[in-house]
């Protein structure tokens, strides 16, 4: 019986320059948005923390996502954009490396 999932063998994949980009939006209430925008949350700058946490998430994706290959990243950029018209934040993750496996998991975790 064939298993319903398996780790993919990337041994024959060529080493390539790989780049991935992911983004998502987080909608918050007007009061929370103002605190984030003005960087006045009691625990500190949530935008800076989100960017650092996103980088750490990309670096540790293989530990958190089943069947994800470990990968040495050359660079990960995570940045946020404020969307005041809808009280939202747009978060972007952009990892880059010279590796065999794909980068999409690092984007999603970042």
PDB file of N, CA and C in Angstrom:
ATOM      1  N   UNK A   1       0.850  -1.187   0.000  1.00  0.00           N
ATOM      2  CA  UNK A   1       0.000   0.000   0.000  1.00  0.00           C
ATOM      3  C   UNK A   1       0.890   1.242   0.000  1.00  0.00           C
ATOM      4  N   UNK A   2       0.624   2.158  -0.898  1.00  0.00           N
ATOM      5  CA  UNK A   2       1.395   3.396  -1.006  1.00  0.00           C
ATOM      6  C   UNK A   2       0.965   4.363   0.099  1.00  0.00           C
ATOM      7  N   UNK A   3       1.948   5.003   0.785  1.00  0.00           N
ATOM      8  CA  UNK A   3       1.565   5.972   1.821  1.00  0.00           C
ATOM      9  C   UNK A   3       0.834   7.166   1.205  1.00  0.00           C
ATOM     10  N   UNK A   4       0.003   7.810   2.005  1.00  0.00           N
ATOM     11  CA  UNK A   4      -0.771   8.945   1.499  1.00  0.00           C
ATOM     12  C   UNK A   4       0.047  10.230   1.445  1.00  0.00           C
ATOM     13  N   UNK A   5       1.257  10.188   1.992  1.00  0.00           N
ATOM     14  CA  UNK A   5       2.163  11.331   1.892  1.00  0.00           C
ATOM     15  C   UNK A   5       3.589  10.812   1.960  1.00  0.00           C
ATOM     16  N   UNK A   6       4.516  11.603   1.475  1.00  0.00           N
ATOM     17  CA  UNK A   6       5.925  11.221   1.518  1.00  0.00           C
ATOM     18  C   UNK A   6       6.795  12.447   1.302  1.00  0.00           C
ATOM     19  N   UNK A   7       8.010  12.385   1.797  1.00  0.00           N
ATOM     20  CA  UNK A   7       8.974  13.452   1.560  1.00  0.00           C
ATOM     21  C   UNK A   7       9.502  13.292   0.136  1.00  0.00           C
ATOM     22  N   UNK A   8       9.626  14.374  -0.577  1.00  0.00           N
ATOM     23  CA  UNK A   8      10.085  14.349  -1.962  1.00  0.00           C
ATOM     24  C   UNK A   8      11.608  14.269  -1.994  1.00  0.00           C
ATOM     25  N   UNK A   9      12.138  13.420  -2.878  1.00  0.00           N
ATOM     26  CA  UNK A   9      13.586  13.308  -3.061  1.00  0.00           C
ATOM     27  C   UNK A   9      14.044  14.460  -3.954  1.00  0.00           C
ATOM     28  N   UNK A  10      14.859  15.354  -3.403  1.00  0.00           N
ATOM     29  CA  UNK A  10      15.356  16.498  -4.174  1.00  0.00           C
ATOM     30  C   UNK A  10      16.799  16.276  -4.633  1.00  0.00           C
ATOM     31  N   UNK A  11      17.304  15.054  -4.452  1.00  0.00           N
ATOM     32  CA  UNK A  11      18.693  14.749  -4.783  1.00  0.00           C
ATOM     33  C   UNK A  11      19.068  15.026  -6.229  1.00  0.00           C
ATOM     34  N   UNK A  12      18.141  14.861  -7.153  1.00  0.00           N
ATOM     35  CA  UNK A  12      18.441  15.076  -8.571  1.00  0.00           C
ATOM     36  C   UNK A  12      18.085  16.474  -9.065  1.00  0.00           C
ATOM     37  N   UNK A  13      17.526  17.288  -8.195  1.00  0.00           N
ATOM     38  CA  UNK A  13      17.191  18.653  -8.616  1.00  0.00           C
ATOM     39  C   UNK A  13      18.468  19.479  -8.731  1.00  0.00           C
ATOM     40  N   UNK A  14      18.537  20.356  -9.725  1.00  0.00           N
ATOM     41  CA  UNK A  14      19.729  21.201  -9.858  1.00  0.00           C
ATOM     42  C   UNK A  14      19.761  22.296  -8.792  1.00  0.00           C
ATOM     43  N   UNK A  15      20.958  22.690  -8.429  1.00  0.00           N
ATOM     44  CA  UNK A  15      21.108  23.836  -7.532  1.00  0.00           C
ATOM     45  C   UNK A  15      20.871  25.084  -8.370  1.00  0.00           C
ATOM     46  N   UNK A  16      19.942  25.908  -7.937  1.00  0.00           N
ATOM     47  CA  UNK A  16      19.565  27.113  -8.679  1.00  0.00           C
ATOM     48  C   UNK A  16      19.444  28.287  -7.732  1.00  0.00           C
ATOM     49  N   UNK A  17      19.475  29.464  -8.323  1.00  0.00           N
ATOM     50  CA  UNK A  17      19.158  30.685  -7.588  1.00  0.00           C
ATOM     51  C   UNK A  17      17.645  30.721  -7.460  1.00  0.00           C
ATOM     52  N   UNK A  18      17.143  30.677  -6.232  1.00  0.00           N
ATOM     53  CA  UNK A  18      15.705  30.593  -6.012  1.00  0.00           C
ATOM     54  C   UNK A  18      15.225  31.799  -5.207  1.00  0.00           C
ATOM     55  N   UNK A  19      14.118  32.359  -5.658  1.00  0.00           N
ATOM     56  CA  UNK A  19      13.493  33.498  -4.986  1.00  0.00           C
ATOM     57  C   UNK A  19      12.000  33.195  -4.885  1.00  0.00           C
ATOM     58  N   UNK A  20      11.402  33.557  -3.770  1.00  0.00           N
ATOM     59  CA  UNK A  20       9.955  33.417  -3.604  1.00  0.00           C
ATOM     60  C   UNK A  20       9.433  34.688  -2.937  1.00  0.00           C
ATOM     61  N   UNK A  21       8.190  35.010  -3.192  1.00  0.00           N
ATOM     62  CA  UNK A  21       7.563  36.171  -2.562  1.00  0.00           C
ATOM     63  C   UNK A  21       6.170  35.758  -2.100  1.00  0.00           C
ATOM     64  N   UNK A  22       5.828  36.135  -0.884  1.00  0.00           N
ATOM     65  CA  UNK A  22       4.480  35.890  -0.363  1.00  0.00           C
ATOM     66  C   UNK A  22       4.009  37.155   0.340  1.00  0.00           C
ATOM     67  N   UNK A  23       2.717  37.364   0.342  1.00  0.00           N
ATOM     68  CA  UNK A  23       2.172  38.505   1.078  1.00  0.00           C
ATOM     69  C   UNK A  23       0.806  38.140   1.633  1.00  0.00           C
ATOM     70  N   UNK A  24       0.422  38.850   2.654  1.00  0.00           N
ATOM     71  CA  UNK A  24      -0.886  38.653   3.254  1.00  0.00           C
ATOM     72  C   UNK A  24      -1.302  39.926   3.962  1.00  0.00           C
ATOM     73  N   UNK A  25      -2.586  40.037   4.233  1.00  0.00           N
ATOM     74  CA  UNK A  25      -3.100  41.225   4.912  1.00  0.00           C
ATOM     75  C   UNK A  25      -3.713  40.840   6.247  1.00  0.00           C
ATOM     76  N   UNK A  26      -3.493  41.692   7.233  1.00  0.00           N
ATOM     77  CA  UNK A  26      -4.047  41.522   8.569  1.00  0.00           C
ATOM     78  C   UNK A  26      -4.926  42.737   8.838  1.00  0.00           C
ATOM     79  N   UNK A  27      -6.210  42.506   9.026  1.00  0.00           N
ATOM     80  CA  UNK A  27      -7.158  43.591   9.283  1.00  0.00           C
ATOM     81  C   UNK A  27      -7.387  43.671  10.791  1.00  0.00           C
ATOM     82  N   UNK A  28      -7.305  44.883  11.333  1.00  0.00           N
ATOM     83  CA  UNK A  28      -7.497  45.107  12.766  1.00  0.00           C
ATOM     84  C   UNK A  28      -8.524  46.223  12.960  1.00  0.00           C
ATOM     85  N   UNK A  29      -8.943  46.430  14.180  1.00  0.00           N
ATOM     86  CA  UNK A  29      -9.868  47.518  14.486  1.00  0.00           C
ATOM     87  C   UNK A  29      -9.174  48.868  14.375  1.00  0.00           C
ATOM     88  N   UNK A  30      -9.967  49.932  14.304  1.00  0.00           N
ATOM     89  CA  UNK A  30      -9.424  51.286  14.135  1.00  0.00           C
ATOM     90  C   UNK A  30      -8.504  51.679  15.287  1.00  0.00           C
ATOM     91  N   UNK A  31      -8.877  51.339  16.514  1.00  0.00           N
ATOM     92  CA  UNK A  31      -8.049  51.691  17.671  1.00  0.00           C
ATOM     93  C   UNK A  31      -6.716  50.943  17.645  1.00  0.00           C
ATOM     94  N   UNK A  32      -6.773  49.659  17.348  1.00  0.00           N
ATOM     95  CA  UNK A  32      -5.539  48.866  17.264  1.00  0.00           C
ATOM     96  C   UNK A  32      -4.653  49.377  16.129  1.00  0.00           C
ATOM     97  N   UNK A  33      -5.270  49.726  14.996  1.00  0.00           N
ATOM     98  CA  UNK A  33      -4.487  50.232  13.871  1.00  0.00           C
ATOM     99  C   UNK A  33      -3.751  51.513  14.254  1.00  0.00           C
ATOM    100  N   UNK A  34      -4.436  52.409  14.956  1.00  0.00           N
ATOM    101  CA  UNK A  34      -3.805  53.669  15.374  1.00  0.00           C
ATOM    102  C   UNK A  34      -2.619  53.403  16.299  1.00  0.00           C
ATOM    103  N   UNK A  35      -2.764  52.462  17.225  1.00  0.00           N
ATOM    104  CA  UNK A  35      -1.654  52.127  18.130  1.00  0.00           C
ATOM    105  C   UNK A  35      -0.475  51.527  17.367  1.00  0.00           C
ATOM    106  N   UNK A  36      -0.774  50.673  16.389  1.00  0.00           N
ATOM    107  CA  UNK A  36       0.294  50.076  15.575  1.00  0.00           C
ATOM    108  C   UNK A  36       0.971  51.156  14.740  1.00  0.00           C
ATOM    109  N   UNK A  37       0.168  51.961  14.058  1.00  0.00           N
ATOM    110  CA  UNK A  37       0.694  53.025  13.194  1.00  0.00           C
ATOM    111  C   UNK A  37       1.573  53.999  13.971  1.00  0.00           C
ATOM    112  N   UNK A  38       1.111  54.381  15.157  1.00  0.00           N
ATOM    113  CA  UNK A  38       1.839  55.360  15.967  1.00  0.00           C
ATOM    114  C   UNK A  38       2.930  54.723  16.827  1.00  0.00           C
ATOM    115  N   UNK A  39       3.064  53.396  16.714  1.00  0.00           N
ATOM    116  CA  UNK A  39       4.077  52.636  17.469  1.00  0.00           C
ATOM    117  C   UNK A  39       3.949  52.896  18.971  1.00  0.00           C
ATOM    118  N   UNK A  40       2.712  52.777  19.465  1.00  0.00           N
ATOM    119  CA  UNK A  40       2.436  53.073  20.873  1.00  0.00           C
ATOM    120  C   UNK A  40       1.836  51.890  21.625  1.00  0.00           C
ATOM    121  N   UNK A  41       2.041  50.687  21.141  1.00  0.00           N
ATOM    122  CA  UNK A  41       1.564  49.521  21.885  1.00  0.00           C
ATOM    123  C   UNK A  41       2.396  49.353  23.147  1.00  0.00           C
ATOM    124  N   UNK A  42       1.786  48.920  24.248  1.00  0.00           N
ATOM    125  CA  UNK A  42       2.509  48.808  25.523  1.00  0.00           C
ATOM    126  C   UNK A  42       3.758  47.926  25.457  1.00  0.00           C
ATOM    127  N   UNK A  43       3.737  46.876  24.648  1.00  0.00           N
ATOM    128  CA  UNK A  43       4.890  45.970  24.586  1.00  0.00           C
ATOM    129  C   UNK A  43       5.957  46.420  23.596  1.00  0.00           C
ATOM    130  N   UNK A  44       5.698  47.472  22.834  1.00  0.00           N
ATOM    131  CA  UNK A  44       6.711  47.969  21.914  1.00  0.00           C
ATOM    132  C   UNK A  44       6.248  47.985  20.467  1.00  0.00           C
ATOM    133  N   UNK A  45       7.201  48.101  19.570  1.00  0.00           N
ATOM    134  CA  UNK A  45       6.958  48.254  18.136  1.00  0.00           C
ATOM    135  C   UNK A  45       6.593  46.909  17.503  1.00  0.00           C
ATOM    136  N   UNK A  46       5.309  46.680  17.298  1.00  0.00           N
ATOM    137  CA  UNK A  46       4.835  45.406  16.765  1.00  0.00           C
ATOM    138  C   UNK A  46       5.287  45.193  15.320  1.00  0.00           C
ATOM    139  N   UNK A  47       5.483  46.256  14.553  1.00  0.00           N
ATOM    140  CA  UNK A  47       5.934  46.102  13.171  1.00  0.00           C
ATOM    141  C   UNK A  47       7.359  45.560  13.121  1.00  0.00           C
ATOM    142  N   UNK A  48       8.233  46.091  13.963  1.00  0.00           N
ATOM    143  CA  UNK A  48       9.604  45.601  14.035  1.00  0.00           C
ATOM    144  C   UNK A  48       9.620  44.147  14.504  1.00  0.00           C
ATOM    145  N   UNK A  49       8.820  43.849  15.513  1.00  0.00           N
ATOM    146  CA  UNK A  49       8.747  42.487  16.034  1.00  0.00           C
ATOM    147  C   UNK A  49       8.235  41.516  14.970  1.00  0.00           C
ATOM    148  N   UNK A  50       7.232  41.933  14.195  1.00  0.00           N
ATOM    149  CA  UNK A  50       6.686  41.077  13.139  1.00  0.00           C
ATOM    150  C   UNK A  50       7.740  40.773  12.081  1.00  0.00           C
ATOM    151  N   UNK A  51       8.538  41.757  11.733  1.00  0.00           N
ATOM    152  CA  UNK A  51       9.580  41.539  10.732  1.00  0.00           C
ATOM    153  C   UNK A  51      10.642  40.571  11.249  1.00  0.00           C
ATOM    154  N   UNK A  52      11.054  40.730  12.492  1.00  0.00           N
ATOM    155  CA  UNK A  52      12.046  39.822  13.073  1.00  0.00           C
ATOM    156  C   UNK A  52      11.460  38.414  13.201  1.00  0.00           C
ATOM    157  N   UNK A  53      10.218  38.307  13.666  1.00  0.00           N
ATOM    158  CA  UNK A  53       9.575  36.999  13.805  1.00  0.00           C
ATOM    159  C   UNK A  53       9.408  36.319  12.449  1.00  0.00           C
ATOM    160  N   UNK A  54       9.111  37.091  11.413  1.00  0.00           N
ATOM    161  CA  UNK A  54       8.986  36.531  10.069  1.00  0.00           C
ATOM    162  C   UNK A  54      10.293  35.958   9.562  1.00  0.00           C
ATOM    163  N   UNK A  55      11.386  36.652   9.824  1.00  0.00           N
ATOM    164  CA  UNK A  55      12.707  36.154   9.426  1.00  0.00           C
ATOM    165  C   UNK A  55      13.011  34.860  10.172  1.00  0.00           C
ATOM    166  N   UNK A  56      12.757  34.844  11.476  1.00  0.00           N
ATOM    167  CA  UNK A  56      12.998  33.628  12.263  1.00  0.00           C
ATOM    168  C   UNK A  56      12.119  32.480  11.771  1.00  0.00           C
ATOM    169  N   UNK A  57      10.869  32.773  11.430  1.00  0.00           N
ATOM    170  CA  UNK A  57       9.972  31.739  10.920  1.00  0.00           C
ATOM    171  C   UNK A  57      10.473  31.137   9.624  1.00  0.00           C
ATOM    172  N   UNK A  58      10.988  31.970   8.728  1.00  0.00           N
ATOM    173  CA  UNK A  58      11.530  31.466   7.466  1.00  0.00           C
ATOM    174  C   UNK A  58      12.745  30.582   7.714  1.00  0.00           C
ATOM    175  N   UNK A  59      13.587  30.975   8.653  1.00  0.00           N
ATOM    176  CA  UNK A  59      14.792  30.200   8.956  1.00  0.00           C
ATOM    177  C   UNK A  59      14.468  28.857   9.600  1.00  0.00           C
ATOM    178  N   UNK A  60      13.353  28.769  10.306  1.00  0.00           N
ATOM    179  CA  UNK A  60      12.990  27.550  11.041  1.00  0.00           C
ATOM    180  C   UNK A  60      11.832  26.788  10.390  1.00  0.00           C
ATOM    181  N   UNK A  61      11.476  27.105   9.163  1.00  0.00           N
ATOM    182  CA  UNK A  61      10.314  26.480   8.524  1.00  0.00           C
ATOM    183  C   UNK A  61      10.406  24.962   8.529  1.00  0.00           C
ATOM    184  N   UNK A  62      11.582  24.415   8.276  1.00  0.00           N
ATOM    185  CA  UNK A  62      11.728  22.961   8.198  1.00  0.00           C
ATOM    186  C   UNK A  62      11.447  22.281   9.537  1.00  0.00           C
ATOM    187  N   UNK A  63      11.556  23.009  10.642  1.00  0.00           N
ATOM    188  CA  UNK A  63      11.258  22.430  11.951  1.00  0.00           C
ATOM    189  C   UNK A  63       9.761  22.448  12.253  1.00  0.00           C
ATOM    190  N   UNK A  64       9.010  23.294  11.568  1.00  0.00           N
ATOM    191  CA  UNK A  64       7.597  23.472  11.884  1.00  0.00           C
ATOM    192  C   UNK A  64       6.653  22.871  10.855  1.00  0.00           C
ATOM    193  N   UNK A  65       7.133  22.627   9.641  1.00  0.00           N
ATOM    194  CA  UNK A  65       6.274  22.125   8.573  1.00  0.00           C
ATOM    195  C   UNK A  65       6.690  20.697   8.250  1.00  0.00           C
ATOM    196  N   UNK A  66       5.791  19.730   8.413  1.00  0.00           N
ATOM    197  CA  UNK A  66       6.140  18.341   8.111  1.00  0.00           C
ATOM    198  C   UNK A  66       6.624  18.180   6.671  1.00  0.00           C
ATOM    199  N   UNK A  67       7.638  17.358   6.485  1.00  0.00           N
ATOM    200  CA  UNK A  67       8.212  16.992   5.187  1.00  0.00           C
ATOM    201  C   UNK A  67       8.920  18.147   4.482  1.00  0.00           C
ATOM    202  N   UNK A  68       9.198  19.216   5.173  1.00  0.00           N
ATOM    203  CA  UNK A  68       9.909  20.368   4.603  1.00  0.00           C
ATOM    204  C   UNK A  68      11.412  20.143   4.766  1.00  0.00           C
ATOM    205  N   UNK A  69      12.175  20.291   3.699  1.00  0.00           N
ATOM    206  CA  UNK A  69      13.619  20.093   3.738  1.00  0.00           C
ATOM    207  C   UNK A  69      14.324  21.252   4.444  1.00  0.00           C
ATOM    208  N   UNK A  70      15.389  20.960   5.209  1.00  0.00           N
ATOM    209  CA  UNK A  70      16.222  22.046   5.745  1.00  0.00           C
ATOM    210  C   UNK A  70      16.884  22.797   4.584  1.00  0.00           C
ATOM    211  N   UNK A  71      17.100  24.069   4.750  1.00  0.00           N
ATOM    212  CA  UNK A  71      17.661  24.865   3.662  1.00  0.00           C
ATOM    213  C   UNK A  71      18.441  26.038   4.228  1.00  0.00           C
ATOM    214  N   UNK A  72      19.611  26.269   3.672  1.00  0.00           N
ATOM    215  CA  UNK A  72      20.383  27.449   4.043  1.00  0.00           C
ATOM    216  C   UNK A  72      19.931  28.642   3.221  1.00  0.00           C
ATOM    217  N   UNK A  73      19.346  29.605   3.867  1.00  0.00           N
ATOM    218  CA  UNK A  73      18.880  30.801   3.167  1.00  0.00           C
ATOM    219  C   UNK A  73      20.022  31.799   3.036  1.00  0.00           C
ATOM    220  N   UNK A  74      20.125  32.423   1.890  1.00  0.00           N
ATOM    221  CA  UNK A  74      21.113  33.486   1.697  1.00  0.00           C
ATOM    222  C   UNK A  74      20.597  34.810   2.248  1.00  0.00           C
ATOM    223  N   UNK A  75      19.282  34.978   2.204  1.00  0.00           N
ATOM    224  CA  UNK A  75      18.695  36.240   2.628  1.00  0.00           C
ATOM    225  C   UNK A  75      17.197  36.045   2.815  1.00  0.00           C
ATOM    226  N   UNK A  76      16.636  36.719   3.791  1.00  0.00           N
ATOM    227  CA  UNK A  76      15.181  36.790   3.961  1.00  0.00           C
ATOM    228  C   UNK A  76      14.848  38.234   4.282  1.00  0.00           C
ATOM    229  N   UNK A  77      13.921  38.789   3.537  1.00  0.00           N
ATOM    230  CA  UNK A  77      13.420  40.125   3.856  1.00  0.00           C
ATOM    231  C   UNK A  77      11.950  39.992   4.202  1.00  0.00           C
ATOM    232  N   UNK A  78      11.567  40.623   5.277  1.00  0.00           N
ATOM    233  CA  UNK A  78      10.165  40.695   5.675  1.00  0.00           C
ATOM    234  C   UNK A  78       9.884  42.164   5.944  1.00  0.00           C
ATOM    235  N   UNK A  79       8.837  42.681   5.339  1.00  0.00           N
ATOM    236  CA  UNK A  79       8.500  44.078   5.597  1.00  0.00           C
ATOM    237  C   UNK A  79       6.994  44.259   5.584  1.00  0.00           C
ATOM    238  N   UNK A  80       6.566  45.341   6.206  1.00  0.00           N
ATOM    239  CA  UNK A  80       5.140  45.614   6.353  1.00  0.00           C
ATOM    240  C   UNK A  80       4.780  46.930   5.677  1.00  0.00           C
ATOM    241  N   UNK A  81       3.530  47.001   5.268  1.00  0.00           N
ATOM    242  CA  UNK A  81       2.990  48.217   4.661  1.00  0.00           C
ATOM    243  C   UNK A  81       1.662  48.510   5.354  1.00  0.00           C
ATOM    244  N   UNK A  82       1.491  49.721   5.812  1.00  0.00           N
ATOM    245  CA  UNK A  82       0.237  50.111   6.456  1.00  0.00           C
ATOM    246  C   UNK A  82      -0.805  50.471   5.395  1.00  0.00           C
ATOM    247  N   UNK A  83      -2.023  49.994   5.591  1.00  0.00           N
ATOM    248  CA  UNK A  83      -3.139  50.287   4.691  1.00  0.00           C
ATOM    249  C   UNK A  83      -4.232  50.995   5.500  1.00  0.00           C
ATOM    250  N   UNK A  84      -4.075  52.312   5.734  1.00  0.00           N
ATOM    251  CA  UNK A  84      -4.993  53.032   6.626  1.00  0.00           C
ATOM    252  C   UNK A  84      -6.441  53.057   6.148  1.00  0.00           C
ATOM    253  N   UNK A  85      -6.663  52.994   4.845  1.00  0.00           N
ATOM    254  CA  UNK A  85      -8.036  53.064   4.338  1.00  0.00           C
ATOM    255  C   UNK A  85      -8.877  51.857   4.751  1.00  0.00           C
ATOM    256  N   UNK A  86      -8.228  50.751   5.136  1.00  0.00           N
ATOM    257  CA  UNK A  86      -8.963  49.547   5.560  1.00  0.00           C
ATOM    258  C   UNK A  86      -8.488  49.030   6.920  1.00  0.00           C
ATOM    259  N   UNK A  87      -7.740  49.859   7.660  1.00  0.00           N
ATOM    260  CA  UNK A  87      -7.199  49.461   8.967  1.00  0.00           C
ATOM    261  C   UNK A  87      -6.508  48.101   8.886  1.00  0.00           C
ATOM    262  N   UNK A  88      -5.566  47.998   7.974  1.00  0.00           N
ATOM    263  CA  UNK A  88      -4.896  46.714   7.762  1.00  0.00           C
ATOM    264  C   UNK A  88      -3.396  46.909   7.596  1.00  0.00           C
ATOM    265  N   UNK A  89      -2.693  45.800   7.736  1.00  0.00           N
ATOM    266  CA  UNK A  89      -1.257  45.744   7.477  1.00  0.00           C
ATOM    267  C   UNK A  89      -1.048  44.727   6.375  1.00  0.00           C
ATOM    268  N   UNK A  90      -0.210  45.027   5.435  1.00  0.00           N
ATOM    269  CA  UNK A  90       0.191  44.046   4.429  1.00  0.00           C
ATOM    270  C   UNK A  90       1.609  43.625   4.790  1.00  0.00           C
ATOM    271  N   UNK A  91       1.825  42.327   4.878  1.00  0.00           N
ATOM    272  CA  UNK A  91       3.130  41.785   5.242  1.00  0.00           C
ATOM    273  C   UNK A  91       3.689  41.036   4.044  1.00  0.00           C
ATOM    274  N   UNK A  92       4.945  41.301   3.709  1.00  0.00           N
ATOM    275  CA  UNK A  92       5.630  40.645   2.602  1.00  0.00           C
ATOM    276  C   UNK A  92       6.793  39.824   3.143  1.00  0.00           C
ATOM    277  N   UNK A  93       7.017  38.648   2.562  1.00  0.00           N
ATOM    278  CA  UNK A  93       8.189  37.828   2.881  1.00  0.00           C
ATOM    279  C   UNK A  93       8.892  37.513   1.567  1.00  0.00           C
ATOM    280  N   UNK A  94      10.223  37.647   1.565  1.00  0.00           N
ATOM    281  CA  UNK A  94      10.999  37.481   0.340  1.00  0.00           C
ATOM    282  C   UNK A  94      12.305  36.755   0.661  1.00  0.00           C
ATOM    283  N   UNK A  95      12.305  35.399   0.633  1.00  0.00           N
ATOM    284  CA  UNK A  95      13.545  34.660   0.853  1.00  0.00           C
ATOM    285  C   UNK A  95      14.290  34.407  -0.458  1.00  0.00           C
ATOM    286  N   UNK A  96      15.612  34.223  -0.340  1.00  0.00           N
ATOM    287  CA  UNK A  96      16.452  33.953  -1.517  1.00  0.00           C
ATOM    288  C   UNK A  96      17.547  32.972  -1.113  1.00  0.00           C
ATOM    289  N   UNK A  97      17.891  32.061  -2.033  1.00  0.00           N
ATOM    290  CA  UNK A  97      18.973  31.116  -1.749  1.00  0.00           C
ATOM    291  C   UNK A  97      19.481  30.475  -3.034  1.00  0.00           C
ATOM    292  N   UNK A  98      20.585  29.769  -2.914  1.00  0.00           N
ATOM    293  CA  UNK A  98      21.110  28.892  -3.962  1.00  0.00           C
ATOM    294  C   UNK A  98      20.951  27.479  -3.413  1.00  0.00           C
ATOM    295  N   UNK A  99      19.888  26.784  -3.804  1.00  0.00           N
ATOM    296  CA  UNK A  99      19.572  25.473  -3.236  1.00  0.00           C
ATOM    297  C   UNK A  99      18.840  24.607  -4.242  1.00  0.00           C
ATOM    298  N   UNK A 100      18.560  23.383  -3.820  1.00  0.00           N
ATOM    299  CA  UNK A 100      17.764  22.459  -4.622  1.00  0.00           C
ATOM    300  C   UNK A 100      16.262  22.623  -4.375  1.00  0.00           C
ATOM    301  N   UNK A 101      15.792  22.484  -3.122  1.00  0.00           N
ATOM    302  CA  UNK A 101      14.339  22.518  -2.912  1.00  0.00           C
ATOM    303  C   UNK A 101      13.735  23.904  -3.117  1.00  0.00           C
ATOM    304  N   UNK A 102      12.435  23.913  -3.246  1.00  0.00           N
ATOM    305  CA  UNK A 102      11.711  25.174  -3.458  1.00  0.00           C
ATOM    306  C   UNK A 102      11.637  26.000  -2.177  1.00  0.00           C
ATOM    307  N   UNK A 103      11.363  27.283  -2.346  1.00  0.00           N
ATOM    308  CA  UNK A 103      11.326  28.230  -1.230  1.00  0.00           C
ATOM    309  C   UNK A 103       9.934  28.519  -0.693  1.00  0.00           C
ATOM    310  N   UNK A 104       8.911  28.007  -1.309  1.00  0.00           N
ATOM    311  CA  UNK A 104       7.563  28.451  -0.950  1.00  0.00           C
ATOM    312  C   UNK A 104       7.241  28.279   0.523  1.00  0.00           C
ATOM    313  N   UNK A 105       7.744  27.224   1.174  1.00  0.00           N
ATOM    314  CA  UNK A 105       7.441  27.022   2.594  1.00  0.00           C
ATOM    315  C   UNK A 105       8.042  28.132   3.438  1.00  0.00           C
ATOM    316  N   UNK A 106       9.223  28.614   3.057  1.00  0.00           N
ATOM    317  CA  UNK A 106       9.852  29.675   3.840  1.00  0.00           C
ATOM    318  C   UNK A 106       9.045  30.959   3.740  1.00  0.00           C
ATOM    319  N   UNK A 107       8.459  31.194   2.585  1.00  0.00           N
ATOM    320  CA  UNK A 107       7.602  32.370   2.426  1.00  0.00           C
ATOM    321  C   UNK A 107       6.391  32.260   3.324  1.00  0.00           C
ATOM    322  N   UNK A 108       5.748  31.115   3.297  1.00  0.00           N
ATOM    323  CA  UNK A 108       4.515  30.962   4.059  1.00  0.00           C
ATOM    324  C   UNK A 108       4.772  31.043   5.545  1.00  0.00           C
ATOM    325  N   UNK A 109       5.908  30.527   6.016  1.00  0.00           N
ATOM    326  CA  UNK A 109       6.220  30.586   7.431  1.00  0.00           C
ATOM    327  C   UNK A 109       6.649  31.990   7.817  1.00  0.00           C
ATOM    328  N   UNK A 110       7.352  32.696   6.911  1.00  0.00           N
ATOM    329  CA  UNK A 110       7.817  34.045   7.218  1.00  0.00           C
ATOM    330  C   UNK A 110       6.675  34.960   7.295  1.00  0.00           C
TER     331      UNK A 110
END
